[in-house]
Amino acid sequence: MTERPRTLREDQRGLSTTEYVIALGLIAIAGWLTWRTFGDHVDFGVRSSATVMLEDD
């Protein structure tokens, strides 16, 4: 019985690791964007409050 050598297209040994790395990268980017947006909103709120407090004096 002759076995045919595996081609790159048929080789799926590293496929799941690659998918996990891609998913982790996408999750990291989404987390960073969420954190940045949240930080911008907090920064705006703090600056607005400080401006109001300074105007009251």
N, C-alpha and C. Protein backbone atom coordinates (compact mmCIF):
# COMPACT_ATOMS: atom_id res chain seq x y z
N MET A 1 0.85 -1.17 0.00
CA MET A 1 0.00 0.00 0.00
C MET A 1 0.89 1.24 0.00
N THR A 2 0.68 2.11 -0.92
CA THR A 2 1.48 3.32 -1.05
C THR A 2 0.74 4.49 -0.40
N GLU A 3 1.43 5.20 0.50
CA GLU A 3 0.82 6.37 1.14
C GLU A 3 1.22 7.63 0.39
N ARG A 4 0.28 8.47 0.19
CA ARG A 4 0.52 9.75 -0.48
C ARG A 4 1.05 10.76 0.54
N PRO A 5 2.10 11.53 0.24
CA PRO A 5 2.59 12.53 1.21
C PRO A 5 1.54 13.62 1.43
N ARG A 6 1.51 14.13 2.66
CA ARG A 6 0.55 15.17 3.01
C ARG A 6 0.96 16.50 2.41
N THR A 7 0.03 17.23 1.90
CA THR A 7 0.31 18.56 1.37
C THR A 7 -0.05 19.59 2.42
N LEU A 8 0.37 20.82 2.21
CA LEU A 8 0.05 21.88 3.17
C LEU A 8 -1.45 22.09 3.31
N ARG A 9 -2.17 21.92 2.24
CA ARG A 9 -3.61 22.11 2.29
C ARG A 9 -4.29 21.08 3.19
N GLU A 10 -3.77 19.87 3.21
CA GLU A 10 -4.36 18.79 4.01
C GLU A 10 -3.84 18.78 5.44
N ASP A 11 -2.73 19.46 5.71
CA ASP A 11 -2.11 19.44 7.04
C ASP A 11 -2.84 20.44 7.94
N GLN A 12 -3.50 19.94 8.97
CA GLN A 12 -4.26 20.80 9.88
C GLN A 12 -3.74 20.72 11.31
N ARG A 13 -2.52 20.28 11.50
CA ARG A 13 -1.99 20.10 12.85
C ARG A 13 -1.88 21.43 13.62
N GLY A 14 -1.50 22.51 12.96
CA GLY A 14 -1.33 23.78 13.67
C GLY A 14 -2.50 24.72 13.53
N LEU A 15 -3.56 24.25 12.94
CA LEU A 15 -4.70 25.12 12.65
C LEU A 15 -5.36 25.66 13.92
N SER A 16 -5.57 24.84 14.92
CA SER A 16 -6.27 25.30 16.11
C SER A 16 -5.43 26.33 16.88
N THR A 17 -4.12 26.16 16.92
CA THR A 17 -3.27 27.13 17.60
C THR A 17 -3.33 28.48 16.90
N THR A 18 -3.30 28.47 15.59
CA THR A 18 -3.39 29.71 14.82
C THR A 18 -4.72 30.41 15.07
N GLU A 19 -5.78 29.64 15.11
CA GLU A 19 -7.09 30.24 15.37
C GLU A 19 -7.14 30.86 16.76
N TYR A 20 -6.54 30.21 17.75
CA TYR A 20 -6.52 30.77 19.10
C TYR A 20 -5.72 32.07 19.15
N VAL A 21 -4.62 32.13 18.44
CA VAL A 21 -3.80 33.35 18.41
C VAL A 21 -4.56 34.49 17.76
N ILE A 22 -5.25 34.21 16.67
CA ILE A 22 -6.05 35.24 16.00
C ILE A 22 -7.17 35.71 16.90
N ALA A 23 -7.87 34.79 17.55
CA ALA A 23 -8.96 35.16 18.46
C ALA A 23 -8.43 35.98 19.62
N LEU A 24 -7.31 35.59 20.19
CA LEU A 24 -6.72 36.35 21.30
C LEU A 24 -6.34 37.76 20.86
N GLY A 25 -5.80 37.89 19.66
CA GLY A 25 -5.46 39.21 19.14
C GLY A 25 -6.68 40.09 18.97
N LEU A 26 -7.75 39.52 18.43
CA LEU A 26 -8.98 40.30 18.25
C LEU A 26 -9.59 40.70 19.59
N ILE A 27 -9.56 39.80 20.56
CA ILE A 27 -10.08 40.13 21.89
C ILE A 27 -9.24 41.22 22.54
N ALA A 28 -7.93 41.15 22.38
CA ALA A 28 -7.05 42.18 22.95
C ALA A 28 -7.32 43.54 22.33
N ILE A 29 -7.49 43.58 21.02
CA ILE A 29 -7.79 44.86 20.34
C ILE A 29 -9.14 45.40 20.80
N ALA A 30 -10.14 44.55 20.90
CA ALA A 30 -11.47 44.99 21.36
C ALA A 30 -11.40 45.50 22.79
N GLY A 31 -10.65 44.82 23.65
CA GLY A 31 -10.50 45.28 25.03
C GLY A 31 -9.79 46.61 25.12
N TRP A 32 -8.75 46.78 24.32
CA TRP A 32 -8.01 48.04 24.33
C TRP A 32 -8.90 49.19 23.86
N LEU A 33 -9.68 48.96 22.78
CA LEU A 33 -10.58 50.02 22.30
C LEU A 33 -11.65 50.35 23.32
N THR A 34 -12.18 49.33 23.99
CA THR A 34 -13.19 49.57 25.03
C THR A 34 -12.60 50.36 26.18
N TRP A 35 -11.42 49.97 26.62
CA TRP A 35 -10.76 50.66 27.73
C TRP A 35 -10.46 52.11 27.36
N ARG A 36 -10.02 52.33 26.12
CA ARG A 36 -9.71 53.69 25.68
C ARG A 36 -10.97 54.55 25.63
N THR A 37 -12.06 54.02 25.09
CA THR A 37 -13.32 54.76 25.02
C THR A 37 -13.83 55.07 26.42
N PHE A 38 -13.79 54.08 27.31
CA PHE A 38 -14.22 54.30 28.69
C PHE A 38 -13.37 55.37 29.35
N GLY A 39 -12.07 55.32 29.14
CA GLY A 39 -11.16 56.30 29.71
C GLY A 39 -11.44 57.71 29.20
N ASP A 40 -11.76 57.82 27.92
CA ASP A 40 -12.09 59.13 27.35
C ASP A 40 -13.34 59.70 27.99
N HIS A 41 -14.34 58.86 28.23
CA HIS A 41 -15.58 59.31 28.86
C HIS A 41 -15.33 59.74 30.31
N VAL A 42 -14.54 58.99 31.03
CA VAL A 42 -14.21 59.34 32.42
C VAL A 42 -13.41 60.64 32.45
N ASP A 43 -12.44 60.76 31.56
CA ASP A 43 -11.62 61.98 31.50
C ASP A 43 -12.49 63.20 31.22
N PHE A 44 -13.43 63.07 30.27
CA PHE A 44 -14.33 64.17 29.95
C PHE A 44 -15.19 64.54 31.16
N GLY A 45 -15.70 63.54 31.86
CA GLY A 45 -16.53 63.81 33.04
C GLY A 45 -15.76 64.50 34.15
N VAL A 46 -14.53 64.07 34.38
CA VAL A 46 -13.71 64.69 35.42
C VAL A 46 -13.37 66.13 35.05
N ARG A 47 -12.99 66.35 33.81
CA ARG A 47 -12.65 67.71 33.37
C ARG A 47 -13.87 68.63 33.43
N SER A 48 -15.04 68.11 33.06
CA SER A 48 -16.26 68.91 33.11
C SER A 48 -16.59 69.28 34.55
N SER A 49 -16.46 68.33 35.47
CA SER A 49 -16.74 68.59 36.87
C SER A 49 -15.76 69.61 37.43
N ALA A 50 -14.50 69.50 37.06
CA ALA A 50 -13.50 70.45 37.55
C ALA A 50 -13.79 71.85 37.03
N THR A 51 -14.21 71.95 35.78
CA THR A 51 -14.54 73.26 35.21
C THR A 51 -15.72 73.88 35.93
N VAL A 52 -16.75 73.09 36.21
CA VAL A 52 -17.93 73.60 36.92
C VAL A 52 -17.55 74.06 38.32
N MET A 53 -16.70 73.30 38.99
CA MET A 53 -16.30 73.67 40.35
C MET A 53 -15.46 74.94 40.34
N LEU A 54 -14.62 75.12 39.36
CA LEU A 54 -13.82 76.34 39.28
C LEU A 54 -14.66 77.56 38.93
N GLU A 55 -15.72 77.39 38.14
CA GLU A 55 -16.58 78.50 37.77
C GLU A 55 -17.45 78.96 38.93
N ASP A 56 -17.74 78.10 39.90
CA ASP A 56 -18.57 78.46 41.04
C ASP A 56 -17.87 79.41 42.00
N ASP A 57 -16.54 79.41 42.01
CA ASP A 57 -15.80 80.26 42.95
C ASP A 57 -15.85 81.69 42.58
